[in-house]
Protein backbone atom coordinates (compact mmCIF):
# COMPACT_ATOMS: atom_id res chain seq x y z
CA UNK A 1 0.00 0.00 0.00
CA UNK A 2 1.07 3.58 -0.62
CA UNK A 3 0.21 6.05 2.14
CA UNK A 4 0.16 9.82 1.67
CA UNK A 5 0.00 12.24 4.57
CA UNK A 6 -1.59 15.70 4.53
CA UNK A 7 -1.42 17.27 7.98
CA UNK A 8 -3.27 20.43 6.96
CA UNK A 9 -5.54 19.87 3.93
CA UNK A 10 -7.47 22.75 2.44
CA UNK A 11 -10.18 23.90 0.14
CA UNK A 12 -8.50 26.10 -2.46
CA UNK A 13 -10.81 28.85 -3.69
CA UNK A 14 -9.39 30.27 -6.91
CA UNK A 15 -10.80 33.57 -8.17
CA UNK A 16 -10.06 35.25 -11.49
CA UNK A 17 -10.27 39.02 -11.96
CA UNK A 18 -9.32 41.43 -14.73
CA UNK A 19 -7.49 43.40 -12.06
CA UNK A 20 -7.35 43.45 -8.28
CA UNK A 21 -7.50 46.63 -6.20
CA UNK A 22 -7.16 46.67 -2.43
CA UNK A 23 -9.71 48.62 -0.39
CA UNK A 24 -12.65 48.35 -2.82
CA UNK A 25 -15.17 45.70 -3.89
CA UNK A 26 -13.69 43.50 -6.63
CA UNK A 27 -15.85 41.29 -8.83
CA UNK A 28 -14.61 38.02 -10.25
CA UNK A 29 -14.68 36.90 -13.86
CA UNK A 30 -14.50 33.25 -12.84
CA UNK A 31 -14.13 30.95 -9.84
CA UNK A 32 -12.82 27.44 -9.27
CA UNK A 33 -12.66 25.19 -6.21
CA UNK A 34 -10.07 22.46 -5.60
CA UNK A 35 -9.19 20.23 -2.67
CA UNK A 36 -5.62 21.05 -1.73
CA UNK A 37 -2.66 19.90 0.29
CA UNK A 38 0.55 18.33 -0.96
CA UNK A 39 -0.32 14.79 0.10
CA UNK A 40 -3.77 15.09 -1.45
CA UNK A 41 -2.18 16.17 -4.74
CA UNK A 42 0.10 13.13 -4.63
CA UNK A 43 -2.87 10.84 -3.97
CA UNK A 44 -4.77 12.26 -6.93
CA UNK A 45 -1.92 11.65 -9.37
CA UNK A 46 -1.31 8.14 -8.01
CA UNK A 47 -5.00 7.42 -8.55
CA UNK A 48 -4.81 8.68 -12.15
CA UNK A 49 -1.87 6.29 -12.65
CA UNK A 50 -4.00 3.39 -11.30
CA UNK A 51 -2.07 2.99 -8.04
CA UNK A 52 -4.19 2.35 -4.97
CA UNK A 53 -3.28 4.56 -2.04
CA UNK A 54 -4.52 5.56 1.39
CA UNK A 55 -4.79 9.28 2.15
CA UNK A 56 -4.04 10.05 5.80
CA UNK A 57 -4.37 13.38 7.57
CA UNK A 58 -6.64 15.60 9.62
CA UNK A 59 -9.91 17.31 8.76
CA UNK A 60 -12.16 19.53 10.85
CA UNK A 61 -15.56 21.20 10.75
CA UNK A 62 -17.86 21.68 7.77
CA UNK A 63 -14.93 22.39 5.44
CA UNK A 64 -13.35 19.12 6.51
CA UNK A 65 -16.60 17.32 5.73
CA UNK A 66 -16.52 18.87 2.25
CA UNK A 67 -12.95 17.68 1.71
CA UNK A 68 -13.82 14.14 2.80
CA UNK A 69 -16.91 14.07 0.56
CA UNK A 70 -15.38 15.74 -2.47
CA UNK A 71 -11.85 14.36 -2.50
CA UNK A 72 -11.25 10.93 -3.83
CA UNK A 73 -11.00 8.60 -6.77
CA UNK A 74 -11.51 4.94 -7.48
CA UNK A 75 -7.97 4.19 -6.29
CA UNK A 76 -7.99 6.40 -3.16
CA UNK A 77 -8.96 5.29 0.33
CA UNK A 78 -9.62 8.45 2.40
CA UNK A 79 -8.66 7.75 6.01
CA UNK A 80 -8.71 11.19 7.62
CA UNK A 81 -9.00 11.82 11.34
CA UNK A 82 -11.83 14.20 12.24
CA UNK A 83 -10.66 16.79 14.78
CA UNK A 84 -12.89 17.83 17.67
CA UNK A 85 -12.84 21.55 16.96
CA UNK A 86 -12.04 24.14 14.32
CA UNK A 87 -12.38 23.99 10.56
CA UNK A 88 -10.11 22.79 7.80
CA UNK A 89 -8.60 25.84 6.15
CA UNK A 90 -9.70 27.69 3.05
CA UNK A 91 -6.91 29.08 0.90
CA UNK A 92 -7.76 31.94 -1.45
CA UNK A 93 -5.83 32.26 -4.72
CA UNK A 94 -6.34 35.58 -6.50
CA UNK A 95 -5.39 35.52 -10.18
CA UNK A 96 -5.43 38.97 -11.73
CA UNK A 97 -2.43 39.19 -14.03
CA UNK A 98 -0.22 38.25 -11.09
CA UNK A 99 -1.15 35.62 -8.51
CA UNK A 100 -1.76 36.41 -4.84
CA UNK A 101 -2.32 33.71 -2.24
CA UNK A 102 -3.97 33.99 1.18
CA UNK A 103 -3.45 30.70 3.01
CA UNK A 104 -5.37 29.79 6.15
CA UNK A 105 -3.73 28.57 9.33
CA UNK A 106 -5.82 25.48 9.90
CA UNK A 107 -7.27 23.86 13.05
CA UNK A 108 -5.40 22.96 16.21
CA UNK A 109 -4.33 19.33 16.45
CA UNK A 110 -4.52 17.94 19.99
CA UNK A 111 -2.05 15.37 21.37
CA UNK A 112 -4.62 12.57 21.52
CA UNK A 113 -5.60 13.21 17.90
CA UNK A 114 -1.95 13.01 16.88
CA UNK A 115 -1.71 9.66 18.63
CA UNK A 116 -4.57 8.39 16.45
CA UNK A 117 -2.46 9.15 13.40
CA UNK A 118 0.54 7.33 14.88
CA UNK A 119 -1.70 4.31 15.56
CA UNK A 120 -2.78 4.22 11.91
CA UNK A 121 0.85 4.23 10.79
CA UNK A 122 1.53 1.19 12.95
CA UNK A 123 -0.28 -0.73 10.19
CA UNK A 124 2.51 -0.05 7.69
CA UNK A 125 3.93 -3.33 6.38
CA UNK A 126 7.11 -4.38 4.53
CA UNK A 127 6.89 -3.29 0.90
CA UNK A 128 4.67 -0.29 1.66
CA UNK A 129 5.48 3.32 0.73
CA UNK A 130 4.86 6.36 2.96
CA UNK A 131 4.96 9.86 1.46
CA UNK A 132 5.40 12.80 3.85
CA UNK A 133 4.72 16.05 2.03
CA UNK A 134 4.94 19.69 2.99
CA UNK A 135 5.64 21.83 6.01
CA UNK A 136 4.30 21.13 9.47
CA UNK A 137 1.45 23.43 10.59
CA UNK A 138 2.22 25.48 13.69
CA UNK A 139 -0.57 23.65 15.53
CA UNK A 140 1.44 20.40 15.21
CA UNK A 141 4.62 19.36 17.09
CA UNK A 142 7.72 20.26 15.09
CA UNK A 143 9.12 16.74 15.48
CA UNK A 144 6.11 14.91 14.03
CA UNK A 145 7.98 13.73 10.91
CA UNK A 146 10.80 12.40 13.07
CA UNK A 147 8.31 10.53 15.27
CA UNK A 148 6.69 9.01 12.21
CA UNK A 149 10.01 7.99 10.69
CA UNK A 150 11.24 6.52 13.96
CA UNK A 151 8.12 4.35 14.06
CA UNK A 152 8.28 3.34 10.41
CA UNK A 153 12.00 2.55 10.56
CA UNK A 154 11.19 -0.38 12.84
CA UNK A 155 9.59 -2.12 9.85
CA UNK A 156 11.98 -3.38 7.18
CA UNK A 157 11.60 -2.60 3.47
CA UNK A 158 9.34 0.44 3.79
CA UNK A 159 10.05 3.21 1.30
CA UNK A 160 9.69 6.70 2.79
CA UNK A 161 9.55 9.82 0.63
CA UNK A 162 10.10 13.19 2.31
CA UNK A 163 9.15 16.31 0.36
CA UNK A 164 10.06 19.03 2.86
CA UNK A 165 12.59 21.83 3.27
CA UNK A 166 15.24 23.20 5.63
CA UNK A 167 15.80 21.70 9.06
CA UNK A 168 12.58 19.71 8.74
CA UNK A 169 14.19 17.79 5.87
CA UNK A 170 17.67 17.55 7.42
CA UNK A 171 16.31 16.00 10.62
CA UNK A 172 14.77 13.13 8.65
CA UNK A 173 17.96 12.13 6.84
CA UNK A 174 19.23 9.94 9.70
CA UNK A 175 16.28 7.64 8.96
CA UNK A 176 17.55 7.14 5.38
CA UNK A 177 14.47 8.18 3.36
CA UNK A 178 14.11 6.50 -0.01
CA UNK A 179 13.64 9.82 -1.82
CA UNK A 180 13.90 13.54 -1.11
CA UNK A 181 13.09 16.31 -3.61
CA UNK A 182 14.78 19.66 -2.96
CA UNK A 183 14.98 22.34 -5.64
CA UNK A 184 18.11 24.30 -6.50
CA UNK A 185 17.21 27.21 -4.21
CA UNK A 186 16.59 24.85 -1.31
CA UNK A 187 19.96 23.19 -1.91
CA UNK A 188 21.56 26.62 -1.70
CA UNK A 189 19.79 27.40 1.56
CA UNK A 190 20.61 24.02 3.10
CA UNK A 191 24.35 24.41 2.56
CA UNK A 192 24.67 28.20 2.73
CA UNK A 193 26.10 28.44 -0.80
CA UNK A 194 24.96 29.56 -4.24
CA UNK A 195 24.12 26.47 -6.29
CA UNK A 196 24.08 27.59 -9.92
CA UNK A 197 25.70 25.01 -12.19
CA UNK A 198 24.99 21.35 -12.92
CA UNK A 199 28.28 20.51 -11.20
CA UNK A 200 27.19 22.42 -8.08
CA UNK A 201 23.82 20.68 -8.13
CA UNK A 202 25.39 17.24 -8.36
CA UNK A 203 27.96 18.04 -5.66
CA UNK A 204 25.40 19.06 -3.06
CA UNK A 205 22.88 16.38 -4.04
CA UNK A 206 25.61 13.82 -3.33
CA UNK A 207 26.23 15.48 0.04
CA UNK A 208 22.58 14.80 0.91
CA UNK A 209 23.15 11.15 0.02
CA UNK A 210 26.17 11.13 2.33
CA UNK A 211 23.86 12.51 5.04
CA UNK A 212 21.44 9.60 4.64
CA UNK A 213 19.09 10.05 1.67
CA UNK A 214 19.03 7.10 -0.74
CA UNK A 215 17.87 9.03 -3.82
CA UNK A 216 17.94 12.79 -4.36
CA UNK A 217 15.73 14.36 -7.03
CA UNK A 218 16.55 18.03 -7.62
CA UNK A 219 13.99 20.14 -9.45
CA UNK A 220 15.73 22.71 -11.67
CA UNK A 221 12.70 24.70 -12.83
CA UNK A 222 12.92 25.51 -16.53
CA UNK A 223 16.10 23.44 -16.85
CA UNK A 224 14.40 20.18 -15.90
CA UNK A 225 15.62 17.92 -13.10
CA UNK A 226 18.60 15.89 -11.89
CA UNK A 227 18.47 12.61 -10.03
CA UNK A 228 21.33 11.02 -8.13
CA UNK A 229 20.14 7.49 -7.46
CA UNK A 230 21.17 5.09 -4.71
CA UNK A 231 23.71 3.39 -6.99
CA UNK A 232 25.48 6.72 -7.46
CA UNK A 233 24.32 7.16 -11.05
CA UNK A 234 23.41 10.67 -12.25
CA UNK A 235 20.30 11.12 -14.42
CA UNK A 236 19.22 14.38 -16.07
CA UNK A 237 16.09 15.36 -17.95
CA UNK A 238 14.70 18.49 -19.58
CA UNK A 239 11.25 19.97 -19.24
CA UNK A 240 8.14 19.08 -21.21
CA UNK A 241 6.85 21.39 -23.92
CA UNK A 242 3.47 22.99 -23.27
CA UNK A 243 1.63 26.09 -22.13
CA UNK A 244 1.91 26.62 -18.37
CA UNK A 245 -1.51 27.32 -16.85
CA UNK A 246 -0.87 26.45 -13.23
CA UNK A 247 2.14 25.85 -10.98
CA UNK A 248 0.25 24.62 -7.88
CA UNK A 249 0.77 20.90 -7.35
CA UNK A 250 3.37 20.46 -10.09
CA UNK A 251 6.10 19.40 -7.64
CA UNK A 252 3.70 17.04 -5.85
CA UNK A 253 2.77 15.53 -9.21
CA UNK A 254 6.45 14.95 -9.94
CA UNK A 255 6.85 13.08 -6.65
CA UNK A 256 3.77 10.95 -7.38
CA UNK A 257 4.92 10.17 -10.90
CA UNK A 258 8.39 9.18 -9.71
CA UNK A 259 6.95 6.89 -7.04
CA UNK A 260 4.55 5.32 -9.54
CA UNK A 261 7.27 4.85 -12.14
CA UNK A 262 9.54 3.13 -9.64
CA UNK A 263 6.72 0.99 -8.19
CA UNK A 264 5.86 -0.23 -11.69
CA UNK A 265 9.33 -0.82 -13.14
CA UNK A 266 12.05 -0.47 -10.43
CA UNK A 267 13.83 1.63 -13.10
CA UNK A 268 15.08 5.02 -11.91
CA UNK A 269 15.40 6.38 -15.45
CA UNK A 270 11.76 5.63 -16.20
CA UNK A 271 10.68 6.92 -12.78
CA UNK A 272 12.35 10.26 -13.58
CA UNK A 273 10.61 10.43 -16.97
CA UNK A 274 7.17 9.68 -15.52
CA UNK A 275 7.73 12.11 -12.64
CA UNK A 276 8.72 14.87 -15.04
CA UNK A 277 5.74 14.10 -17.28
CA UNK A 278 3.33 14.27 -14.33
CA UNK A 279 4.80 17.55 -13.13
CA UNK A 280 4.55 19.03 -16.60
CA UNK A 281 1.02 17.69 -17.15
CA UNK A 282 -0.21 19.43 -13.99
CA UNK A 283 1.55 22.65 -15.02
CA UNK A 284 -0.35 22.46 -18.32
CA UNK A 285 -3.71 21.86 -16.57
CA UNK A 286 -6.01 24.09 -14.53
CA UNK A 287 -5.82 21.68 -11.62
CA UNK A 288 -4.13 18.33 -10.96
CA UNK A 289 -3.51 16.53 -14.26
CA UNK A 290 -5.63 13.67 -15.56
CA UNK A 291 -4.31 10.44 -17.08
CA UNK A 292 -4.89 11.53 -20.67
CA UNK A 293 -2.74 14.64 -20.24
CA UNK A 294 -0.03 12.70 -18.40
CA UNK A 295 0.17 10.09 -21.18
CA UNK A 296 0.36 12.81 -23.82
CA UNK A 297 3.23 14.58 -22.06
CA UNK A 298 5.05 11.31 -21.32
CA UNK A 299 5.36 10.65 -25.06
CA UNK A 300 7.83 13.55 -25.18
CA UNK A 301 10.29 11.50 -23.10
CA UNK A 302 9.92 7.94 -24.37
């Protein structure tokens, strides 16, 4: 089984305007609603790629009920914990030439509710995959990823993917995650240097492997991506061709595609191609990409 974790899911309310002016009433030209959160995005792409997965996380209030009812797919098992108080957050995305985001804080997660999540993760078995995505909300203990990894590390042959940044990422490396996905800017911040060239990227990606990561996938924006796999081999790939409509969820889609590609073939080269195709397909879609778009983009790489 593949498990995704979204600690702070959201309803993303996207509004389109010809222009936005502060201090007056603005009227939209269009509106869209999506169910958001990095783990949720990963689950959606895995489902499109016909991989069954269990979506873990927390929901609260009437917005949480809407997420539970509206989010899903034939290959997704929603297994959210309903919090006693508060509401799942609503994030507002204002698109008026430029894009402005107003992200909610989310509900408070109590200690006993956190323990319920830990109990669910005790069901992880050898051969399973656990994907930890995104930052930790300030209502959650800062060491929650470490607690999860400490628990999971007791079970052999569990692949853990960590898509996080800064100290949150560094603190997980001692548990030898199967995959991490920093971008070039995050590499620079992690090591206090300016990572600009392919040689720099490879050098510091290999340092992350020395620190514990098995595979390091570095997103390079318009230049594509670089993967240093657990055998030490370097893989590079360019970007897909298409019109970018949306950047939200593209990185999550890349993670999902990589995981799916590896699950299906155990081939890191193919996993990188499918991950890149999924990331591009979402960038070329209004929301998270569907299978038809993914397959179309994948043809550019195979």
